[in-house]
Amino acid sequence: MLSYWEKQSLLQYDYIIVGSGIVGLSTAISLKEADENARVLVLERAILPTGASTKNAGFACIGSLTEILADLQTMPEQEVLQLVKLRYEGLQLLRQRLGDNAIGYTENGSYELITSHDEWALGQLDTVNNLLGNFFPQKAFTLANNKLPAFGFNTNVVKAVVSNTYEGELHTGKMMRSLIDLCLRVGVEVKTGAAVARVEDLGTSVNVVVPHALLKEELIFSARKLIICTNAFTKQLLPATADVMPGRGQVLITNPIANLRFKGIFHFEEGYYYFRELEGRILFGGGRQLDFSGESTTEFQYNNRIQHQLEELLRTVILPDTPFTIADRWTGIMAFGKTKQPIIQHHSPNVILGVRMGGMGVAIGSKVGEMLAEMAFVR
């Protein structure tokens, strides 16, 4: 029961993007930068982005020493270097586009905690720095054991600290708010509560079908190009999409802790654990490696085993002499595959995928959006 006016003027676009997370909004902005007169629509199935964009820890990171070394065991060296470069360039684009103040970006230090299990990695510091030297003017990683006593960590567990020159932190909420505000300023339309049921590539255009609950009929939006930015939820829309595995992240945050002894962001165990100081609190997440099977899900639920382990590590390693209480907990859904490279490719002639961010959406999302816009742009 759509009106003549709705059919004539409210359903046709140049570009439609499905997913209003970091990648989707960044793609929309890049398309408007390429053509300010283009009609660009972003469709979001929920009221807020539902995956990981609004639920991450706010790490502006390129990867820890042990993570990069682990990647070198499973990926060709050139691919690892390209991925680190993508993260770095993506962060620079995000900061340039939105401004550090708008996203709460600061550099209070980035560190990796080295346990006895990972001490071997210290012997690879020069090797990794030399590999990254082609595009980093300074050493990325340096030993920072002089800071360990001041941090107050359990030195029976933490044997060394490695500093990263090229990482910082940001406020996830402010970043997303700024991306939305910029989209609106440049004329991008964002519609929430618009769950896409199916898409149809017609060869000369794409139909995007969205059920209308009140009218009990389907709205058919059309566009010249469609970009899918649904990350871990991609198979719900395109079941045949290969090698996109959801990965749930468990997160908790403490109440404010008096005289907290450190600032900055911290990783350990190849980045599977990560924590940071945030307004006098500790935000702590990770532990997916404790239950890969159970955490390969799109369900927003707590894993009691992992939540317990996060609290135990806080109590015994990070804050061994400091009482704390938990203020809140949440989960986010990331996407992974056999490789950490994102999927940036055509699904069909007029449908393009930008998914599987590998838990690095904050770092690579802006650059991936730029790449998707370049692929989709109709000249």
Protein backbone atom coordinates (compact mmCIF):
# COMPACT_ATOMS: atom_id res chain seq x y z
CA MET A 1 0.00 0.00 0.00
CA LEU A 2 2.80 2.40 -0.88
CA SER A 3 1.81 5.76 -2.33
CA TYR A 4 2.70 7.03 -5.76
CA TRP A 5 5.03 9.58 -4.09
CA GLU A 6 6.89 6.94 -2.10
CA LYS A 7 7.41 4.76 -5.16
CA GLN A 8 8.56 7.72 -7.25
CA SER A 9 10.95 9.46 -4.84
CA LEU A 10 11.85 7.45 -1.74
CA LEU A 11 13.09 4.08 -2.96
CA GLN A 12 15.72 4.83 -5.63
CA TYR A 13 19.41 5.39 -4.84
CA ASP A 14 22.79 5.36 -6.50
CA TYR A 15 24.35 3.26 -3.74
CA ILE A 16 22.89 1.21 -0.90
CA ILE A 17 25.00 -0.09 1.97
CA VAL A 18 23.77 -2.80 4.32
CA GLY A 19 25.23 -2.40 7.83
CA SER A 20 25.83 0.83 9.75
CA GLY A 21 28.97 -0.16 11.60
CA ILE A 22 32.40 1.38 11.07
CA VAL A 23 32.86 -0.13 7.61
CA GLY A 24 29.37 0.70 6.37
CA LEU A 25 29.42 4.32 7.50
CA SER A 26 33.00 4.79 6.25
CA THR A 27 32.00 3.43 2.85
CA ALA A 28 29.07 5.85 2.68
CA ILE A 29 31.32 8.81 3.54
CA SER A 30 33.90 7.78 0.94
CA LEU A 31 31.19 7.54 -1.73
CA LYS A 32 29.97 11.06 -0.91
CA GLU A 33 33.55 12.31 -1.02
CA ALA A 34 33.82 10.86 -4.53
CA ASP A 35 30.49 12.37 -5.63
CA GLU A 36 28.71 14.79 -3.32
CA ASN A 37 25.53 14.52 -5.43
CA ALA A 38 25.28 10.72 -5.18
CA ARG A 39 22.25 9.37 -3.37
CA VAL A 40 23.63 7.05 -0.69
CA LEU A 41 21.49 4.98 1.68
CA VAL A 42 22.66 2.94 4.69
CA LEU A 43 20.28 0.26 5.98
CA GLU A 44 20.70 -1.04 9.54
CA ARG A 45 18.58 -3.94 10.76
CA ALA A 46 18.57 -2.84 14.42
CA ILE A 47 18.21 0.48 16.21
CA LEU A 48 21.98 0.51 16.85
CA PRO A 49 24.75 -1.37 15.01
CA THR A 50 24.62 -4.83 16.51
CA GLY A 51 27.96 -6.54 15.87
CA ALA A 52 31.20 -5.16 17.24
CA SER A 53 31.44 -1.53 16.11
CA THR A 54 29.78 -0.13 19.25
CA LYS A 55 30.98 -2.90 21.57
CA ASN A 56 34.75 -2.98 21.09
CA ALA A 57 37.42 -1.89 23.58
CA GLY A 58 38.48 1.25 21.71
CA PHE A 59 41.97 0.03 20.83
CA ALA A 60 43.62 1.87 17.94
CA CYS A 61 46.10 -0.91 17.28
CA ILE A 62 48.21 -2.45 14.54
CA GLY A 63 48.90 -5.76 16.30
CA SER A 64 51.12 -6.89 19.16
CA LEU A 65 54.56 -8.48 18.81
CA THR A 66 53.38 -12.02 19.60
CA GLU A 67 50.34 -11.61 17.36
CA ILE A 68 52.46 -10.60 14.38
CA LEU A 69 54.87 -13.47 15.07
CA ALA A 70 51.93 -15.89 15.22
CA ASP A 71 50.58 -14.51 11.93
CA LEU A 72 53.98 -15.09 10.30
CA GLN A 73 53.57 -18.79 11.12
CA THR A 74 50.28 -19.05 9.20
CA MET A 75 50.43 -16.33 6.52
CA PRO A 76 53.03 -15.32 3.90
CA GLU A 77 55.30 -12.55 5.12
CA GLN A 78 54.08 -10.10 2.49
CA GLU A 79 50.45 -10.64 3.52
CA VAL A 80 51.29 -9.99 7.17
CA LEU A 81 53.08 -6.77 6.25
CA GLN A 82 50.18 -5.65 4.05
CA LEU A 83 47.76 -6.27 6.90
CA VAL A 84 49.81 -4.26 9.41
CA LYS A 85 50.08 -1.46 6.84
CA LEU A 86 46.30 -1.57 6.26
CA ARG A 87 45.70 -1.18 9.99
CA TYR A 88 48.08 1.75 10.25
CA GLU A 89 46.70 3.54 7.19
CA GLY A 90 43.14 2.90 8.33
CA LEU A 91 43.80 4.49 11.70
CA GLN A 92 45.40 7.52 10.08
CA LEU A 93 42.40 7.97 7.78
CA LEU A 94 39.98 7.65 10.72
CA ARG A 95 41.87 10.31 12.70
CA GLN A 96 42.22 12.67 9.75
CA ARG A 97 38.58 12.34 8.78
CA LEU A 98 37.02 12.82 12.23
CA GLY A 99 39.74 14.55 14.29
CA ASP A 100 41.34 13.24 17.47
CA ASN A 101 39.19 15.34 19.79
CA ALA A 102 35.96 14.11 18.26
CA ILE A 103 36.87 10.44 18.78
CA GLY A 104 38.67 10.84 22.11
CA TYR A 105 41.96 9.63 20.63
CA THR A 106 44.95 9.70 23.00
CA GLU A 107 48.34 8.02 23.24
CA ASN A 108 48.91 7.00 26.84
CA GLY A 109 51.14 4.13 25.80
CA SER A 110 50.59 0.71 24.28
CA TYR A 111 52.19 -2.33 25.85
CA GLU A 112 52.29 -6.09 25.57
CA LEU A 113 52.75 -8.16 28.72
CA ILE A 114 55.20 -11.00 28.17
CA THR A 115 54.80 -14.12 30.28
CA SER A 116 57.27 -16.98 30.59
CA HIS A 117 55.37 -18.74 27.80
CA ASP A 118 56.10 -15.87 25.41
CA GLU A 119 59.64 -14.84 26.45
CA TRP A 120 61.00 -16.41 23.26
CA ALA A 121 59.36 -13.56 21.32
CA LEU A 122 61.79 -11.04 22.82
CA GLY A 123 64.52 -12.55 20.69
CA GLN A 124 62.50 -11.62 17.59
CA LEU A 125 62.14 -7.90 18.36
CA ASP A 126 64.79 -6.80 15.86
CA THR A 127 63.51 -9.20 13.21
CA VAL A 128 59.95 -7.85 13.38
CA ASN A 129 61.11 -4.22 13.58
CA ASN A 130 63.23 -4.75 10.47
CA LEU A 131 60.27 -6.29 8.63
CA LEU A 132 58.10 -3.29 9.48
CA GLY A 133 60.86 -0.78 8.75
CA ASN A 134 59.79 -0.34 5.13
CA PHE A 135 56.82 1.81 6.14
CA PHE A 136 57.45 2.78 9.79
CA PRO A 137 60.08 5.51 10.29
CA GLN A 138 60.72 4.43 13.91
CA LYS A 139 60.98 1.04 15.57
CA ALA A 140 57.51 -0.28 16.28
CA PHE A 141 58.50 -2.41 19.27
CA THR A 142 60.91 -1.68 22.12
CA LEU A 143 61.56 -3.35 25.44
CA ALA A 144 60.08 -1.31 28.31
CA ASN A 145 60.89 -3.36 31.41
CA ASN A 146 61.70 -0.17 33.31
CA LYS A 147 57.95 0.56 33.44
CA LEU A 148 57.00 -2.80 34.92
CA PRO A 149 57.46 -1.92 38.63
CA ALA A 150 55.27 1.18 38.31
CA PHE A 151 52.41 -0.74 36.66
CA GLY A 152 52.00 -3.00 39.68
CA PHE A 153 51.39 -6.23 37.76
CA ASN A 154 52.25 -9.63 39.23
CA THR A 155 55.91 -10.04 38.26
CA ASN A 156 55.76 -13.76 38.98
CA VAL A 157 53.62 -13.94 35.83
CA VAL A 158 54.61 -10.87 33.82
CA LYS A 159 58.28 -11.21 32.93
CA ALA A 160 58.70 -8.31 30.50
CA VAL A 161 56.87 -5.44 28.82
CA VAL A 162 57.12 -4.49 25.14
CA SER A 163 56.09 -0.99 24.07
CA ASN A 164 54.45 -0.24 20.70
CA THR A 165 55.14 3.16 19.15
CA TYR A 166 52.20 3.15 16.73
CA GLU A 167 49.16 2.44 18.89
CA GLY A 168 46.71 4.56 20.84
CA GLU A 169 43.21 4.47 22.27
CA LEU A 170 39.90 6.08 21.48
CA HIS A 171 36.35 6.41 22.80
CA THR A 172 34.23 3.98 20.80
CA GLY A 173 30.96 5.81 21.48
CA LYS A 174 32.37 9.16 20.38
CA MET A 175 33.86 7.59 17.27
CA MET A 176 30.55 6.07 16.20
CA ARG A 177 28.67 9.25 17.04
CA SER A 178 31.13 11.22 14.92
CA LEU A 179 30.79 8.83 11.98
CA ILE A 180 27.00 9.09 12.12
CA ASP A 181 27.13 12.89 12.40
CA LEU A 182 29.49 13.14 9.42
CA CYS A 183 27.24 10.88 7.35
CA LEU A 184 24.29 13.13 8.07
CA ARG A 185 26.27 16.29 7.30
CA VAL A 186 27.34 15.07 3.88
CA GLY A 187 23.83 13.90 2.98
CA VAL A 188 23.94 10.14 3.59
CA GLU A 189 20.56 8.67 4.57
CA VAL A 190 20.66 6.17 7.43
CA LYS A 191 17.58 4.04 8.09
CA THR A 192 17.52 1.86 11.22
CA GLY A 193 15.17 -1.02 11.97
CA ALA A 194 15.47 -1.99 8.30
CA ALA A 195 16.33 -5.69 8.20
CA VAL A 196 17.13 -6.73 4.64
CA ALA A 197 15.37 -9.96 3.69
CA ARG A 198 17.10 -10.55 0.35
CA VAL A 199 18.94 -8.87 -2.48
CA GLU A 200 18.57 -9.36 -6.23
CA ASP A 201 21.25 -8.36 -8.73
CA LEU A 202 19.33 -7.59 -11.92
CA GLY A 203 22.40 -6.88 -14.01
CA THR A 204 21.73 -3.18 -14.55
CA SER A 205 20.67 -2.51 -10.94
CA VAL A 206 20.15 -4.18 -7.58
CA ASN A 207 16.91 -4.65 -5.65
CA VAL A 208 17.11 -4.64 -1.86
CA VAL A 209 14.02 -6.09 -0.21
CA VAL A 210 13.03 -4.91 3.28
CA PRO A 211 9.80 -6.14 4.95
CA HIS A 212 7.51 -3.37 6.26
CA ALA A 213 5.95 -4.66 9.48
CA LEU A 214 3.11 -2.12 9.65
CA LEU A 215 2.05 -2.33 6.01
CA LYS A 216 2.69 -6.08 5.97
CA GLU A 217 4.37 -5.87 2.58
CA GLU A 218 7.86 -5.64 1.16
CA LEU A 219 9.64 -2.41 0.32
CA ILE A 220 11.89 -2.76 -2.71
CA PHE A 221 14.76 -0.28 -2.71
CA SER A 222 16.87 -0.08 -5.85
CA ALA A 223 20.42 1.06 -6.49
CA ARG A 224 23.11 0.90 -9.11
CA LYS A 225 25.49 -0.75 -6.63
CA LEU A 226 25.00 -2.54 -3.32
CA ILE A 227 27.74 -2.91 -0.68
CA ILE A 228 27.33 -5.52 2.06
CA CYS A 229 29.07 -4.55 5.33
CA THR A 230 27.47 -7.00 7.74
CA ASN A 231 30.68 -8.67 8.95
CA ALA A 232 29.87 -11.68 11.19
CA PHE A 233 26.20 -11.69 10.15
CA THR A 234 26.86 -11.91 6.41
CA LYS A 235 25.75 -15.54 6.06
CA GLN A 236 22.31 -14.64 7.38
CA LEU A 237 21.82 -12.53 4.25
CA LEU A 238 24.09 -14.43 1.84
CA PRO A 239 24.27 -18.05 3.07
CA ALA A 240 26.77 -19.09 0.39
CA THR A 241 29.43 -16.63 1.60
CA ALA A 242 32.56 -18.68 2.24
CA ASP A 243 34.90 -18.53 5.22
CA VAL A 244 33.14 -16.02 7.47
CA MET A 245 33.07 -17.33 11.04
CA PRO A 246 31.57 -15.31 13.90
CA GLY A 247 33.71 -14.82 16.97
CA ARG A 248 32.12 -13.53 20.15
CA GLY A 249 34.13 -11.25 22.43
CA GLN A 250 33.52 -11.12 26.18
CA VAL A 251 34.09 -7.78 27.92
CA LEU A 252 33.78 -6.40 31.44
CA ILE A 253 34.48 -3.04 33.05
CA THR A 254 35.19 -2.26 36.69
CA ASN A 255 33.93 0.52 38.86
CA PRO A 256 36.46 3.36 39.34
CA ILE A 257 39.60 2.22 41.16
CA ALA A 258 41.34 4.69 43.45
CA ASN A 259 45.00 5.37 42.63
CA LEU A 260 45.08 3.10 39.62
CA ARG A 261 48.74 2.69 38.73
CA PHE A 262 48.67 2.65 34.93
CA LYS A 263 47.19 4.26 31.85
CA GLY A 264 47.21 3.17 28.24
CA ILE A 265 46.29 -0.04 26.45
CA PHE A 266 47.69 -3.52 27.08
CA HIS A 267 47.68 -6.88 25.28
CA PHE A 268 48.89 -10.34 26.14
CA GLU A 269 48.76 -13.88 24.73
CA GLU A 270 48.87 -12.87 21.05
CA GLY A 271 46.23 -10.21 21.65
CA TYR A 272 43.62 -12.70 22.85
CA TYR A 273 43.48 -10.71 26.10
CA TYR A 274 43.35 -6.92 26.11
CA PHE A 275 42.72 -4.29 28.77
CA ARG A 276 42.92 -0.56 29.22
CA GLU A 277 42.43 2.22 31.74
CA LEU A 278 39.23 4.15 31.04
CA GLU A 279 38.24 7.06 33.29
CA GLY A 280 39.85 5.40 36.29
CA ARG A 281 38.30 2.01 35.49
CA ILE A 282 39.71 -1.09 33.83
CA LEU A 283 38.02 -2.36 30.69
CA PHE A 284 39.10 -5.96 30.14
CA GLY A 285 38.12 -8.31 27.32
CA GLY A 286 39.08 -11.42 25.43
CA GLY A 287 39.59 -15.07 26.30
CA ARG A 288 37.99 -16.38 23.11
CA GLN A 289 40.82 -18.91 22.79
CA LEU A 290 39.52 -20.70 25.91
CA ASP A 291 36.43 -21.84 23.99
CA PHE A 292 36.76 -21.28 20.25
CA SER A 293 33.81 -23.55 19.51
CA GLY A 294 31.47 -21.97 22.04
CA GLU A 295 32.44 -18.44 21.00
CA SER A 296 31.87 -19.09 17.26
CA THR A 297 28.35 -17.77 17.55
CA THR A 298 26.21 -14.73 16.81
CA GLU A 299 24.33 -15.09 20.11
CA PHE A 300 24.80 -12.20 22.56
CA GLN A 301 25.30 -14.23 25.72
CA TYR A 302 27.91 -14.44 28.47
CA ASN A 303 30.34 -17.32 28.60
CA ASN A 304 30.61 -17.91 32.34
CA ARG A 305 33.95 -19.70 32.04
CA ILE A 306 35.54 -16.79 30.18
CA GLN A 307 33.96 -14.11 32.37
CA HIS A 308 35.31 -15.93 35.43
CA GLN A 309 38.78 -16.13 33.88
CA LEU A 310 38.77 -12.40 33.13
CA GLU A 311 37.98 -11.67 36.78
CA GLU A 312 40.63 -14.14 37.93
CA LEU A 313 43.32 -12.52 35.75
CA LEU A 314 42.32 -9.10 37.07
CA ARG A 315 42.64 -10.37 40.61
CA THR A 316 45.88 -12.34 40.28
CA VAL A 317 47.88 -10.67 37.48
CA ILE A 318 46.70 -7.13 36.71
CA LEU A 319 45.55 -5.93 40.15
CA PRO A 320 47.19 -8.38 42.58
CA ASP A 321 47.06 -5.99 45.54
CA THR A 322 44.03 -3.86 44.67
CA PRO A 323 40.36 -4.58 45.38
CA PHE A 324 37.85 -3.96 42.59
CA THR A 325 34.21 -4.52 41.71
CA ILE A 326 32.62 -5.16 38.32
CA ALA A 327 30.31 -2.42 37.03
CA ASP A 328 29.13 -3.91 33.75
CA ARG A 329 29.62 -6.68 31.18
CA TRP A 330 28.78 -7.08 27.50
CA THR A 331 29.58 -9.10 24.41
CA GLY A 332 30.29 -8.18 20.80
CA ILE A 333 30.36 -10.31 17.66
CA MET A 334 33.41 -10.16 15.38
CA ALA A 335 34.16 -12.12 12.20
CA PHE A 336 37.15 -14.32 11.38
CA GLY A 337 38.32 -16.74 8.72
CA LYS A 338 41.20 -18.96 7.74
CA THR A 339 43.22 -15.82 7.09
CA LYS A 340 43.14 -12.45 8.81
CA GLN A 341 42.75 -10.63 5.52
CA PRO A 342 39.34 -8.97 5.17
CA ILE A 343 37.03 -10.01 2.35
CA ILE A 344 36.81 -7.13 -0.12
CA GLN A 345 35.40 -8.51 -3.35
CA HIS A 346 32.46 -8.73 -5.73
CA HIS A 347 29.70 -11.16 -4.78
CA SER A 348 28.04 -10.47 -8.14
CA PRO A 349 28.56 -7.73 -10.75
CA ASN A 350 26.68 -5.09 -8.74
CA VAL A 351 26.97 -6.50 -5.21
CA ILE A 352 30.23 -5.99 -3.31
CA LEU A 353 31.32 -7.54 0.00
CA GLY A 354 33.31 -5.75 2.71
CA VAL A 355 33.26 -8.23 5.59
CA ARG A 356 35.40 -10.35 7.96
CA MET A 357 37.35 -7.64 9.75
CA GLY A 358 39.21 -10.11 11.98
CA GLY A 359 38.55 -8.15 15.17
CA MET A 360 40.37 -5.12 13.72
CA GLY A 361 37.43 -3.04 12.50
CA VAL A 362 38.51 0.09 14.35
CA ALA A 363 41.91 -0.02 12.65
CA ILE A 364 40.99 -1.11 9.14
CA GLY A 365 37.36 -0.03 8.80
CA SER A 366 37.98 3.43 7.33
CA LYS A 367 40.46 2.15 4.75
CA VAL A 368 38.26 -0.81 3.84
CA GLY A 369 35.39 1.64 3.33
CA GLU A 370 37.56 3.70 1.02
CA MET A 371 38.48 0.59 -0.97
CA LEU A 372 34.84 -0.50 -1.24
CA ALA A 373 33.79 2.94 -2.43
CA GLU A 374 36.47 2.84 -5.13
CA MET A 375 35.18 -0.56 -6.32
CA ALA A 376 31.55 0.56 -6.30
CA PHE A 377 31.91 4.07 -7.70
CA VAL A 378 30.15 4.54 -11.02
CA ARG A 379 31.96 7.06 -13.22
